């Protein structure tokens, strides 16, 4: 029994560390998305400018495309992490029900 009583405390500490790491990653991702949105906006303004030579316009177009690709990858990673967290919550909830802990009497 003593081992069982120490496991939840250790698991809670690990969950808190994991949560803190996840929050910092999500904050970094949000900052990157904000910066990429700004880069795309500025690039679009430069691309639309009438006094831009064709080779400069192509360079701005490449930058827009690269920015959109990077933004899409960040969104994809975010969606996958949200899905993984949802599956983990469902598995935890399912484990409680299977062990009888989550069943109401």
PDB file of N, CA and C in Angstrom:
ATOM      1  N   UNK A   1       0.789  -1.211   0.000  1.00  0.00           N
ATOM      2  CA  UNK A   1       0.000   0.000   0.000  1.00  0.00           C
ATOM      3  C   UNK A   1       0.830   1.274   0.000  1.00  0.00           C
ATOM      4  N   UNK A   2       1.981   1.353   0.661  1.00  0.00           N
ATOM      5  CA  UNK A   2       2.735   2.600   0.650  1.00  0.00           C
ATOM      6  C   UNK A   2       3.132   3.029  -0.760  1.00  0.00           C
ATOM      7  N   UNK A   3       3.446   2.086  -1.641  1.00  0.00           N
ATOM      8  CA  UNK A   3       3.818   2.433  -3.012  1.00  0.00           C
ATOM      9  C   UNK A   3       2.655   3.107  -3.713  1.00  0.00           C
ATOM     10  N   UNK A   4       1.456   2.585  -3.528  1.00  0.00           N
ATOM     11  CA  UNK A   4       0.272   3.131  -4.171  1.00  0.00           C
ATOM     12  C   UNK A   4       0.010   4.570  -3.720  1.00  0.00           C
ATOM     13  N   UNK A   5       0.240   4.867  -2.448  1.00  0.00           N
ATOM     14  CA  UNK A   5      -0.039   6.205  -1.944  1.00  0.00           C
ATOM     15  C   UNK A   5       0.969   7.230  -2.475  1.00  0.00           C
ATOM     16  N   UNK A   6       2.203   6.810  -2.816  1.00  0.00           N
ATOM     17  CA  UNK A   6       3.186   7.757  -3.334  1.00  0.00           C
ATOM     18  C   UNK A   6       3.036   7.983  -4.831  1.00  0.00           C
ATOM     19  N   UNK A   7       2.446   7.038  -5.544  1.00  0.00           N
ATOM     20  CA  UNK A   7       2.321   7.187  -6.993  1.00  0.00           C
ATOM     21  C   UNK A   7       1.493   8.397  -7.415  1.00  0.00           C
ATOM     22  N   UNK A   8       0.339   8.648  -6.837  1.00  0.00           N
ATOM     23  CA  UNK A   8      -0.420   9.813  -7.277  1.00  0.00           C
ATOM     24  C   UNK A   8       0.333  11.121  -7.074  1.00  0.00           C
ATOM     25  N   UNK A   9       1.090  11.252  -5.976  1.00  0.00           N
ATOM     26  CA  UNK A   9       1.843  12.482  -5.738  1.00  0.00           C
ATOM     27  C   UNK A   9       2.899  12.680  -6.818  1.00  0.00           C
ATOM     28  N   UNK A  10       3.615  11.627  -7.159  1.00  0.00           N
ATOM     29  CA  UNK A  10       4.619  11.726  -8.211  1.00  0.00           C
ATOM     30  C   UNK A  10       3.962  12.016  -9.550  1.00  0.00           C
ATOM     31  N   UNK A  11       2.862  11.362  -9.807  1.00  0.00           N
ATOM     32  CA  UNK A  11       2.155  11.580 -11.068  1.00  0.00           C
ATOM     33  C   UNK A  11       1.673  13.018 -11.160  1.00  0.00           C
ATOM     34  N   UNK A  12       1.218  13.579 -10.045  1.00  0.00           N
ATOM     35  CA  UNK A  12       0.747  14.966 -10.041  1.00  0.00           C
ATOM     36  C   UNK A  12       1.890  15.917 -10.352  1.00  0.00           C
ATOM     37  N   UNK A  13       3.048  15.691  -9.771  1.00  0.00           N
ATOM     38  CA  UNK A  13       4.212  16.536 -10.052  1.00  0.00           C
ATOM     39  C   UNK A  13       4.580  16.438 -11.525  1.00  0.00           C
ATOM     40  N   UNK A  14       4.582  15.227 -12.070  1.00  0.00           N
ATOM     41  CA  UNK A  14       4.912  15.057 -13.478  1.00  0.00           C
ATOM     42  C   UNK A  14       3.869  15.733 -14.356  1.00  0.00           C
ATOM     43  N   UNK A  15       2.585  15.617 -13.987  1.00  0.00           N
ATOM     44  CA  UNK A  15       1.525  16.254 -14.758  1.00  0.00           C
ATOM     45  C   UNK A  15       1.663  17.767 -14.739  1.00  0.00           C
ATOM     46  N   UNK A  16       2.041  18.343 -13.571  1.00  0.00           N
ATOM     47  CA  UNK A  16       2.233  19.786 -13.471  1.00  0.00           C
ATOM     48  C   UNK A  16       3.395  20.241 -14.335  1.00  0.00           C
ATOM     49  N   UNK A  17       4.507  19.498 -14.325  1.00  0.00           N
ATOM     50  CA  UNK A  17       5.654  19.835 -15.166  1.00  0.00           C
ATOM     51  C   UNK A  17       5.287  19.739 -16.638  1.00  0.00           C
ATOM     52  N   UNK A  18       4.563  18.685 -16.987  1.00  0.00           N
ATOM     53  CA  UNK A  18       4.127  18.493 -18.370  1.00  0.00           C
ATOM     54  C   UNK A  18       3.199  19.632 -18.786  1.00  0.00           C
ATOM     55  N   UNK A  19       2.325  20.036 -17.892  1.00  0.00           N
ATOM     56  CA  UNK A  19       1.388  21.122 -18.169  1.00  0.00           C
ATOM     57  C   UNK A  19       2.141  22.436 -18.360  1.00  0.00           C
ATOM     58  N   UNK A  20       3.138  22.697 -17.510  1.00  0.00           N
ATOM     59  CA  UNK A  20       3.926  23.923 -17.633  1.00  0.00           C
ATOM     60  C   UNK A  20       4.686  23.945 -18.956  1.00  0.00           C
ATOM     61  N   UNK A  21       5.282  22.812 -19.328  1.00  0.00           N
ATOM     62  CA  UNK A  21       5.992  22.727 -20.597  1.00  0.00           C
ATOM     63  C   UNK A  21       5.040  22.939 -21.763  1.00  0.00           C
ATOM     64  N   UNK A  22       3.874  22.342 -21.678  1.00  0.00           N
ATOM     65  CA  UNK A  22       2.882  22.474 -22.744  1.00  0.00           C
ATOM     66  C   UNK A  22       2.421  23.917 -22.873  1.00  0.00           C
ATOM     67  N   UNK A  23       2.220  24.605 -21.744  1.00  0.00           N
ATOM     68  CA  UNK A  23       1.800  26.005 -21.787  1.00  0.00           C
ATOM     69  C   UNK A  23       2.867  26.884 -22.421  1.00  0.00           C
ATOM     70  N   UNK A  24       4.142  26.626 -22.105  1.00  0.00           N
ATOM     71  CA  UNK A  24       5.206  27.433 -22.696  1.00  0.00           C
ATOM     72  C   UNK A  24       5.327  27.164 -24.194  1.00  0.00           C
ATOM     73  N   UNK A  25       5.125  25.911 -24.596  1.00  0.00           N
ATOM     74  CA  UNK A  25       5.158  25.573 -26.018  1.00  0.00           C
ATOM     75  C   UNK A  25       4.007  26.233 -26.746  1.00  0.00           C
ATOM     76  N   UNK A  26       2.825  26.185 -26.140  1.00  0.00           N
ATOM     77  CA  UNK A  26       1.656  26.810 -26.770  1.00  0.00           C
ATOM     78  C   UNK A  26       1.837  28.321 -26.862  1.00  0.00           C
ATOM     79  N   UNK A  27       2.430  28.928 -25.829  1.00  0.00           N
ATOM     80  CA  UNK A  27       2.701  30.367 -25.866  1.00  0.00           C
ATOM     81  C   UNK A  27       3.686  30.719 -26.974  1.00  0.00           C
ATOM     82  N   UNK A  28       4.709  29.891 -27.120  1.00  0.00           N
ATOM     83  CA  UNK A  28       5.688  30.102 -28.187  1.00  0.00           C
ATOM     84  C   UNK A  28       5.032  29.947 -29.550  1.00  0.00           C
ATOM     85  N   UNK A  29       4.178  28.945 -29.671  1.00  0.00           N
ATOM     86  CA  UNK A  29       3.476  28.720 -30.938  1.00  0.00           C
ATOM     87  C   UNK A  29       2.575  29.904 -31.283  1.00  0.00           C
ATOM     88  N   UNK A  30       1.879  30.433 -30.280  1.00  0.00           N
ATOM     89  CA  UNK A  30       1.017  31.598 -30.517  1.00  0.00           C
ATOM     90  C   UNK A  30       1.840  32.797 -30.960  1.00  0.00           C
ATOM     91  N   UNK A  31       2.995  33.000 -30.335  1.00  0.00           N
ATOM     92  CA  UNK A  31       3.868  34.113 -30.717  1.00  0.00           C
ATOM     93  C   UNK A  31       4.375  33.926 -32.143  1.00  0.00           C
ATOM     94  N   UNK A  32       4.743  32.698 -32.492  1.00  0.00           N
ATOM     95  CA  UNK A  32       5.196  32.426 -33.859  1.00  0.00           C
ATOM     96  C   UNK A  32       4.088  32.679 -34.876  1.00  0.00           C
ATOM     97  N   UNK A  33       2.873  32.258 -34.541  1.00  0.00           N
ATOM     98  CA  UNK A  33       1.739  32.490 -35.451  1.00  0.00           C
ATOM     99  C   UNK A  33       1.495  33.978 -35.642  1.00  0.00           C
ATOM    100  N   UNK A  34       1.598  34.726 -34.556  1.00  0.00           N
ATOM    101  CA  UNK A  34       1.405  36.178 -34.639  1.00  0.00           C
ATOM    102  C   UNK A  34       2.482  36.809 -35.525  1.00  0.00           C
ATOM    103  N   UNK A  35       3.729  36.402 -35.323  1.00  0.00           N
ATOM    104  CA  UNK A  35       4.826  36.939 -36.130  1.00  0.00           C
ATOM    105  C   UNK A  35       4.679  36.547 -37.599  1.00  0.00           C
ATOM    106  N   UNK A  36       4.308  35.307 -37.855  1.00  0.00           N
ATOM    107  CA  UNK A  36       4.117  34.859 -39.234  1.00  0.00           C
ATOM    108  C   UNK A  36       2.980  35.620 -39.909  1.00  0.00           C
ATOM    109  N   UNK A  37       1.915  35.864 -39.172  1.00  0.00           N
ATOM    110  CA  UNK A  37       0.801  36.637 -39.734  1.00  0.00           C
ATOM    111  C   UNK A  37       1.267  38.035 -40.132  1.00  0.00           C
ATOM    112  N   UNK A  38       2.119  38.628 -39.301  1.00  0.00           N
ATOM    113  CA  UNK A  38       2.655  39.959 -39.621  1.00  0.00           C
ATOM    114  C   UNK A  38       3.553  39.904 -40.864  1.00  0.00           C
ATOM    115  N   UNK A  39       4.399  38.881 -40.931  1.00  0.00           N
ATOM    116  CA  UNK A  39       5.284  38.731 -42.097  1.00  0.00           C
ATOM    117  C   UNK A  39       4.461  38.563 -43.374  1.00  0.00           C
ATOM    118  N   UNK A  40       3.421  37.757 -43.298  1.00  0.00           N
ATOM    119  CA  UNK A  40       2.566  37.531 -44.473  1.00  0.00           C
ATOM    120  C   UNK A  40       1.871  38.825 -44.876  1.00  0.00           C
ATOM    121  N   UNK A  41       1.389  39.580 -43.890  1.00  0.00           N
ATOM    122  CA  UNK A  41       0.705  40.842 -44.176  1.00  0.00           C
ATOM    123  C   UNK A  41       1.631  41.850 -44.847  1.00  0.00           C
ATOM    124  N   UNK A  42       2.819  42.015 -44.293  1.00  0.00           N
ATOM    125  CA  UNK A  42       3.783  42.961 -44.871  1.00  0.00           C
ATOM    126  C   UNK A  42       4.203  42.512 -46.267  1.00  0.00           C
ATOM    127  N   UNK A  43       4.435  41.216 -46.416  1.00  0.00           N
ATOM    128  CA  UNK A  43       4.833  40.684 -47.727  1.00  0.00           C
ATOM    129  C   UNK A  43       3.735  40.907 -48.754  1.00  0.00           C
ATOM    130  N   UNK A  44       2.509  40.732 -48.331  1.00  0.00           N
ATOM    131  CA  UNK A  44       1.381  40.948 -49.243  1.00  0.00           C
ATOM    132  C   UNK A  44       1.311  42.411 -49.667  1.00  0.00           C
ATOM    133  N   UNK A  45       1.540  43.327 -48.740  1.00  0.00           N
ATOM    134  CA  UNK A  45       1.548  44.754 -49.076  1.00  0.00           C
ATOM    135  C   UNK A  45       2.670  45.067 -50.062  1.00  0.00           C
ATOM    136  N   UNK A  46       3.841  44.512 -49.843  1.00  0.00           N
ATOM    137  CA  UNK A  46       4.972  44.742 -50.748  1.00  0.00           C
ATOM    138  C   UNK A  46       4.697  44.126 -52.124  1.00  0.00           C
ATOM    139  N   UNK A  47       4.089  42.939 -52.119  1.00  0.00           N
ATOM    140  CA  UNK A  47       3.766  42.265 -53.372  1.00  0.00           C
ATOM    141  C   UNK A  47       2.772  43.085 -54.189  1.00  0.00           C
ATOM    142  N   UNK A  48       1.795  43.682 -53.525  1.00  0.00           N
ATOM    143  CA  UNK A  48       0.755  44.448 -54.211  1.00  0.00           C
ATOM    144  C   UNK A  48       1.199  45.841 -54.646  1.00  0.00           C
ATOM    145  N   UNK A  49       2.350  46.282 -54.178  1.00  0.00           N
ATOM    146  CA  UNK A  49       2.843  47.613 -54.530  1.00  0.00           C
ATOM    147  C   UNK A  49       3.083  47.700 -56.043  1.00  0.00           C
ATOM    148  N   UNK A  50       2.658  48.800 -56.662  1.00  0.00           N
ATOM    149  CA  UNK A  50       2.750  48.946 -58.119  1.00  0.00           C
ATOM    150  C   UNK A  50       4.173  49.152 -58.619  1.00  0.00           C
ATOM    151  N   UNK A  51       5.032  49.742 -57.801  1.00  0.00           N
ATOM    152  CA  UNK A  51       6.380  50.079 -58.262  1.00  0.00           C
ATOM    153  C   UNK A  51       7.407  48.987 -57.963  1.00  0.00           C
ATOM    154  N   UNK A  52       6.984  47.767 -57.921  1.00  0.00           N
ATOM    155  CA  UNK A  52       7.890  46.651 -57.623  1.00  0.00           C
ATOM    156  C   UNK A  52       8.235  45.928 -58.919  1.00  0.00           C
ATOM    157  N   UNK A  53       9.542  45.669 -59.104  1.00  0.00           N
ATOM    158  CA  UNK A  53       9.969  44.930 -60.292  1.00  0.00           C
ATOM    159  C   UNK A  53       9.540  43.474 -60.194  1.00  0.00           C
ATOM    160  N   UNK A  54       9.479  42.794 -61.331  1.00  0.00           N
ATOM    161  CA  UNK A  54       9.006  41.414 -61.371  1.00  0.00           C
ATOM    162  C   UNK A  54       9.824  40.473 -60.495  1.00  0.00           C
ATOM    163  N   UNK A  55      11.152  40.609 -60.514  1.00  0.00           N
ATOM    164  CA  UNK A  55      11.970  39.710 -59.686  1.00  0.00           C
ATOM    165  C   UNK A  55      11.748  39.977 -58.191  1.00  0.00           C
ATOM    166  N   UNK A  56      11.503  41.218 -57.815  1.00  0.00           N
ATOM    167  CA  UNK A  56      11.190  41.524 -56.421  1.00  0.00           C
ATOM    168  C   UNK A  56       9.803  40.980 -56.058  1.00  0.00           C
ATOM    169  N   UNK A  57       8.875  41.106 -56.995  1.00  0.00           N
ATOM    170  CA  UNK A  57       7.518  40.594 -56.762  1.00  0.00           C
ATOM    171  C   UNK A  57       7.557  39.073 -56.561  1.00  0.00           C
ATOM    172  N   UNK A  58       8.385  38.386 -57.340  1.00  0.00           N
ATOM    173  CA  UNK A  58       8.524  36.935 -57.173  1.00  0.00           C
ATOM    174  C   UNK A  58       9.121  36.593 -55.810  1.00  0.00           C
ATOM    175  N   UNK A  59      10.072  37.391 -55.366  1.00  0.00           N
ATOM    176  CA  UNK A  59      10.684  37.156 -54.049  1.00  0.00           C
ATOM    177  C   UNK A  59       9.643  37.338 -52.939  1.00  0.00           C
ATOM    178  N   UNK A  60       8.826  38.371 -53.050  1.00  0.00           N
ATOM    179  CA  UNK A  60       7.771  38.579 -52.051  1.00  0.00           C
ATOM    180  C   UNK A  60       6.755  37.441 -52.118  1.00  0.00           C
ATOM    181  N   UNK A  61       6.440  36.968 -53.308  1.00  0.00           N
ATOM    182  CA  UNK A  61       5.496  35.851 -53.455  1.00  0.00           C
ATOM    183  C   UNK A  61       6.059  34.591 -52.798  1.00  0.00           C
ATOM    184  N   UNK A  62       7.361  34.330 -52.974  1.00  0.00           N
ATOM    185  CA  UNK A  62       7.980  33.163 -52.330  1.00  0.00           C
ATOM    186  C   UNK A  62       7.912  33.282 -50.809  1.00  0.00           C
ATOM    187  N   UNK A  63       8.125  34.496 -50.313  1.00  0.00           N
ATOM    188  CA  UNK A  63       8.061  34.721 -48.870  1.00  0.00           C
ATOM    189  C   UNK A  63       6.634  34.498 -48.344  1.00  0.00           C
ATOM    190  N   UNK A  64       5.644  34.958 -49.098  1.00  0.00           N
ATOM    191  CA  UNK A  64       4.244  34.739 -48.708  1.00  0.00           C
ATOM    192  C   UNK A  64       3.943  33.246 -48.655  1.00  0.00           C
ATOM    193  N   UNK A  65       4.349  32.534 -49.693  1.00  0.00           N
ATOM    194  CA  UNK A  65       4.093  31.089 -49.751  1.00  0.00           C
ATOM    195  C   UNK A  65       4.794  30.367 -48.603  1.00  0.00           C
ATOM    196  N   UNK A  66       6.039  30.707 -48.335  1.00  0.00           N
ATOM    197  CA  UNK A  66       6.775  30.076 -47.227  1.00  0.00           C
ATOM    198  C   UNK A  66       6.115  30.376 -45.886  1.00  0.00           C
ATOM    199  N   UNK A  67       5.670  31.613 -45.709  1.00  0.00           N
ATOM    200  CA  UNK A  67       5.007  31.990 -44.463  1.00  0.00           C
ATOM    201  C   UNK A  67       3.711  31.224 -44.262  1.00  0.00           C
ATOM    202  N   UNK A  68       2.936  31.076 -45.326  1.00  0.00           N
ATOM    203  CA  UNK A  68       1.671  30.339 -45.232  1.00  0.00           C
ATOM    204  C   UNK A  68       1.937  28.864 -44.944  1.00  0.00           C
ATOM    205  N   UNK A  69       2.958  28.289 -45.570  1.00  0.00           N
ATOM    206  CA  UNK A  69       3.301  26.888 -45.303  1.00  0.00           C
ATOM    207  C   UNK A  69       3.703  26.688 -43.842  1.00  0.00           C
ATOM    208  N   UNK A  70       4.517  27.589 -43.318  1.00  0.00           N
ATOM    209  CA  UNK A  70       4.945  27.480 -41.921  1.00  0.00           C
ATOM    210  C   UNK A  70       3.750  27.638 -40.981  1.00  0.00           C
ATOM    211  N   UNK A  71       2.866  28.582 -41.291  1.00  0.00           N
ATOM    212  CA  UNK A  71       1.672  28.811 -40.481  1.00  0.00           C
ATOM    213  C   UNK A  71       0.796  27.560 -40.483  1.00  0.00           C
ATOM    214  N   UNK A  72       0.638  26.938 -41.650  1.00  0.00           N
ATOM    215  CA  UNK A  72      -0.177  25.721 -41.755  1.00  0.00           C
ATOM    216  C   UNK A  72       0.430  24.586 -40.929  1.00  0.00           C
ATOM    217  N   UNK A  73       1.762  24.470 -40.932  1.00  0.00           N
ATOM    218  CA  UNK A  73       2.410  23.425 -40.132  1.00  0.00           C
ATOM    219  C   UNK A  73       2.167  23.657 -38.644  1.00  0.00           C
ATOM    220  N   UNK A  74       2.250  24.914 -38.205  1.00  0.00           N
ATOM    221  CA  UNK A  74       1.987  25.218 -36.800  1.00  0.00           C
ATOM    222  C   UNK A  74       0.553  24.875 -36.417  1.00  0.00           C
ATOM    223  N   UNK A  75      -0.382  25.184 -37.293  1.00  0.00           N
ATOM    224  CA  UNK A  75      -1.779  24.846 -37.025  1.00  0.00           C
ATOM    225  C   UNK A  75      -1.986  23.334 -36.980  1.00  0.00           C
ATOM    226  N   UNK A  76      -1.313  22.625 -37.867  1.00  0.00           N
ATOM    227  CA  UNK A  76      -1.430  21.165 -37.898  1.00  0.00           C
ATOM    228  C   UNK A  76      -0.879  20.547 -36.611  1.00  0.00           C
ATOM    229  N   UNK A  77       0.273  21.026 -36.178  1.00  0.00           N
ATOM    230  CA  UNK A  77       0.874  20.521 -34.942  1.00  0.00           C
ATOM    231  C   UNK A  77      -0.040  20.821 -33.756  1.00  0.00           C
ATOM    232  N   UNK A  78      -0.588  22.012 -33.730  1.00  0.00           N
ATOM    233  CA  UNK A  78      -1.492  22.388 -32.650  1.00  0.00           C
ATOM    234  C   UNK A  78      -2.731  21.495 -32.627  1.00  0.00           C
ATOM    235  N   UNK A  79      -3.294  21.225 -33.786  1.00  0.00           N
ATOM    236  CA  UNK A  79      -4.476  20.366 -33.875  1.00  0.00           C
ATOM    237  C   UNK A  79      -4.144  18.943 -33.418  1.00  0.00           C
ATOM    238  N   UNK A  80      -2.974  18.436 -33.799  1.00  0.00           N
ATOM    239  CA  UNK A  80      -2.571  17.090 -33.379  1.00  0.00           C
ATOM    240  C   UNK A  80      -2.355  17.006 -31.873  1.00  0.00           C
ATOM    241  N   UNK A  81      -1.760  18.041 -31.295  1.00  0.00           N
ATOM    242  CA  UNK A  81      -1.548  18.047 -29.851  1.00  0.00           C
ATOM    243  C   UNK A  81      -2.878  18.129 -29.105  1.00  0.00           C
ATOM    244  N   UNK A  82      -3.806  18.925 -29.612  1.00  0.00           N
ATOM    245  CA  UNK A  82      -5.137  19.003 -29.001  1.00  0.00           C
ATOM    246  C   UNK A  82      -5.837  17.654 -29.073  1.00  0.00           C
ATOM    247  N   UNK A  83      -5.713  16.989 -30.197  1.00  0.00           N
ATOM    248  CA  UNK A  83      -6.321  15.672 -30.363  1.00  0.00           C
ATOM    249  C   UNK A  83      -5.688  14.649 -29.419  1.00  0.00           C
ATOM    250  N   UNK A  84      -4.367  14.688 -29.292  1.00  0.00           N
ATOM    251  CA  UNK A  84      -3.675  13.772 -28.386  1.00  0.00           C
ATOM    252  C   UNK A  84      -4.103  14.010 -26.939  1.00  0.00           C
ATOM    253  N   UNK A  85      -4.244  15.265 -26.550  1.00  0.00           N
ATOM    254  CA  UNK A  85      -4.691  15.580 -25.190  1.00  0.00           C
ATOM    255  C   UNK A  85      -6.119  15.089 -24.964  1.00  0.00           C
ATOM    256  N   UNK A  86      -6.953  15.235 -25.978  1.00  0.00           N
ATOM    257  CA  UNK A  86      -8.336  14.775 -25.869  1.00  0.00           C
ATOM    258  C   UNK A  86      -8.392  13.246 -25.723  1.00  0.00           C
ATOM    259  N   UNK A  87      -7.601  12.541 -26.515  1.00  0.00           N
ATOM    260  CA  UNK A  87      -7.556  11.077 -26.424  1.00  0.00           C
ATOM    261  C   UNK A  87      -7.048  10.658 -25.051  1.00  0.00           C
ATOM    262  N   UNK A  88      -6.034  11.350 -24.553  1.00  0.00           N
ATOM    263  CA  UNK A  88      -5.479  11.020 -23.235  1.00  0.00           C
ATOM    264  C   UNK A  88      -6.534  11.213 -22.142  1.00  0.00           C
ATOM    265  N   UNK A  89      -7.293  12.320 -22.228  1.00  0.00           N
ATOM    266  CA  UNK A  89      -8.365  12.549 -21.246  1.00  0.00           C
ATOM    267  C   UNK A  89      -9.428  11.454 -21.333  1.00  0.00           C
ATOM    268  N   UNK A  90      -9.782  11.068 -22.555  1.00  0.00           N
ATOM    269  CA  UNK A  90     -10.790  10.020 -22.728  1.00  0.00           C
ATOM    270  C   UNK A  90     -10.289   8.680 -22.206  1.00  0.00           C
ATOM    271  N   UNK A  91      -9.010   8.369 -22.440  1.00  0.00           N
ATOM    272  CA  UNK A  91      -8.446   7.122 -21.935  1.00  0.00           C
ATOM    273  C   UNK A  91      -8.414   7.126 -20.412  1.00  0.00           C
ATOM    274  N   UNK A  92      -8.067   8.258 -19.828  1.00  0.00           N
ATOM    275  CA  UNK A  92      -8.050   8.371 -18.369  1.00  0.00           C
ATOM    276  C   UNK A  92      -9.455   8.199 -17.819  1.00  0.00           C
ATOM    277  N   UNK A  93     -10.404   8.846 -18.448  1.00  0.00           N
ATOM    278  CA  UNK A  93     -11.796   8.730 -18.021  1.00  0.00           C
ATOM    279  C   UNK A  93     -12.285   7.299 -18.199  1.00  0.00           C
ATOM    280  N   UNK A  94     -11.924   6.662 -19.297  1.00  0.00           N
ATOM    281  CA  UNK A  94     -12.308   5.266 -19.541  1.00  0.00           C
ATOM    282  C   UNK A  94     -11.676   4.333 -18.532  1.00  0.00           C
ATOM    283  N   UNK A  95     -10.447   4.599 -18.132  1.00  0.00           N
ATOM    284  CA  UNK A  95      -9.768   3.784 -17.133  1.00  0.00           C
ATOM    285  C   UNK A  95     -10.435   3.886 -15.780  1.00  0.00           C
ATOM    286  N   UNK A  96     -10.940   5.085 -15.436  1.00  0.00           N
ATOM    287  CA  UNK A  96     -11.647   5.256 -14.169  1.00  0.00           C
ATOM    288  C   UNK A  96     -12.946   4.466 -14.172  1.00  0.00           C
ATOM    289  N   UNK A  97     -13.638   4.504 -15.292  1.00  0.00           N
ATOM    290  CA  UNK A  97     -14.899   3.787 -15.393  1.00  0.00           C
ATOM    291  C   UNK A  97     -14.647   2.284 -15.353  1.00  0.00           C
ATOM    292  N   UNK A  98     -13.609   1.818 -16.036  1.00  0.00           N
ATOM    293  CA  UNK A  98     -13.299   0.387 -16.076  1.00  0.00           C
ATOM    294  C   UNK A  98     -12.907  -0.130 -14.698  1.00  0.00           C
ATOM    295  N   UNK A  99     -12.216   0.687 -13.902  1.00  0.00           N
ATOM    296  CA  UNK A  99     -11.803   0.247 -12.567  1.00  0.00           C
ATOM    297  C   UNK A  99     -12.898   0.429 -11.534  1.00  0.00           C
ATOM    298  N   UNK A 100     -13.978   1.105 -11.929  1.00  0.00           N
ATOM    299  CA  UNK A 100     -15.090   1.296 -11.007  1.00  0.00           C
ATOM    300  C   UNK A 100     -15.012   2.601 -10.229  1.00  0.00           C
ATOM    301  N   UNK A 101     -13.958   3.392 -10.453  1.00  0.00           N
ATOM    302  CA  UNK A 101     -13.800   4.646  -9.725  1.00  0.00           C
ATOM    303  C   UNK A 101     -14.790   5.703 -10.206  1.00  0.00           C
ATOM    304  N   UNK A 102     -15.088   5.727 -11.503  1.00  0.00           N
ATOM    305  CA  UNK A 102     -15.942   6.768 -12.050  1.00  0.00           C
ATOM    306  C   UNK A 102     -17.415   6.386 -12.098  1.00  0.00           C
ATOM    307  N   UNK A 103     -17.750   5.219 -11.606  1.00  0.00           N
ATOM    308  CA  UNK A 103     -19.125   4.742 -11.667  1.00  0.00           C
ATOM    309  C   UNK A 103     -19.895   5.258 -10.457  1.00  0.00           C
ATOM    310  N   UNK A 104     -21.041   5.875 -10.716  1.00  0.00           N
ATOM    311  CA  UNK A 104     -21.876   6.360  -9.619  1.00  0.00           C
ATOM    312  C   UNK A 104     -22.707   5.214  -9.067  1.00  0.00           C
ATOM    313  N   UNK A 105     -22.960   5.260  -7.795  1.00  0.00           N
ATOM    314  CA  UNK A 105     -23.740   4.205  -7.159  1.00  0.00           C
ATOM    315  C   UNK A 105     -25.099   4.718  -6.788  1.00  0.00           C
TER     316      UNK A 105
END
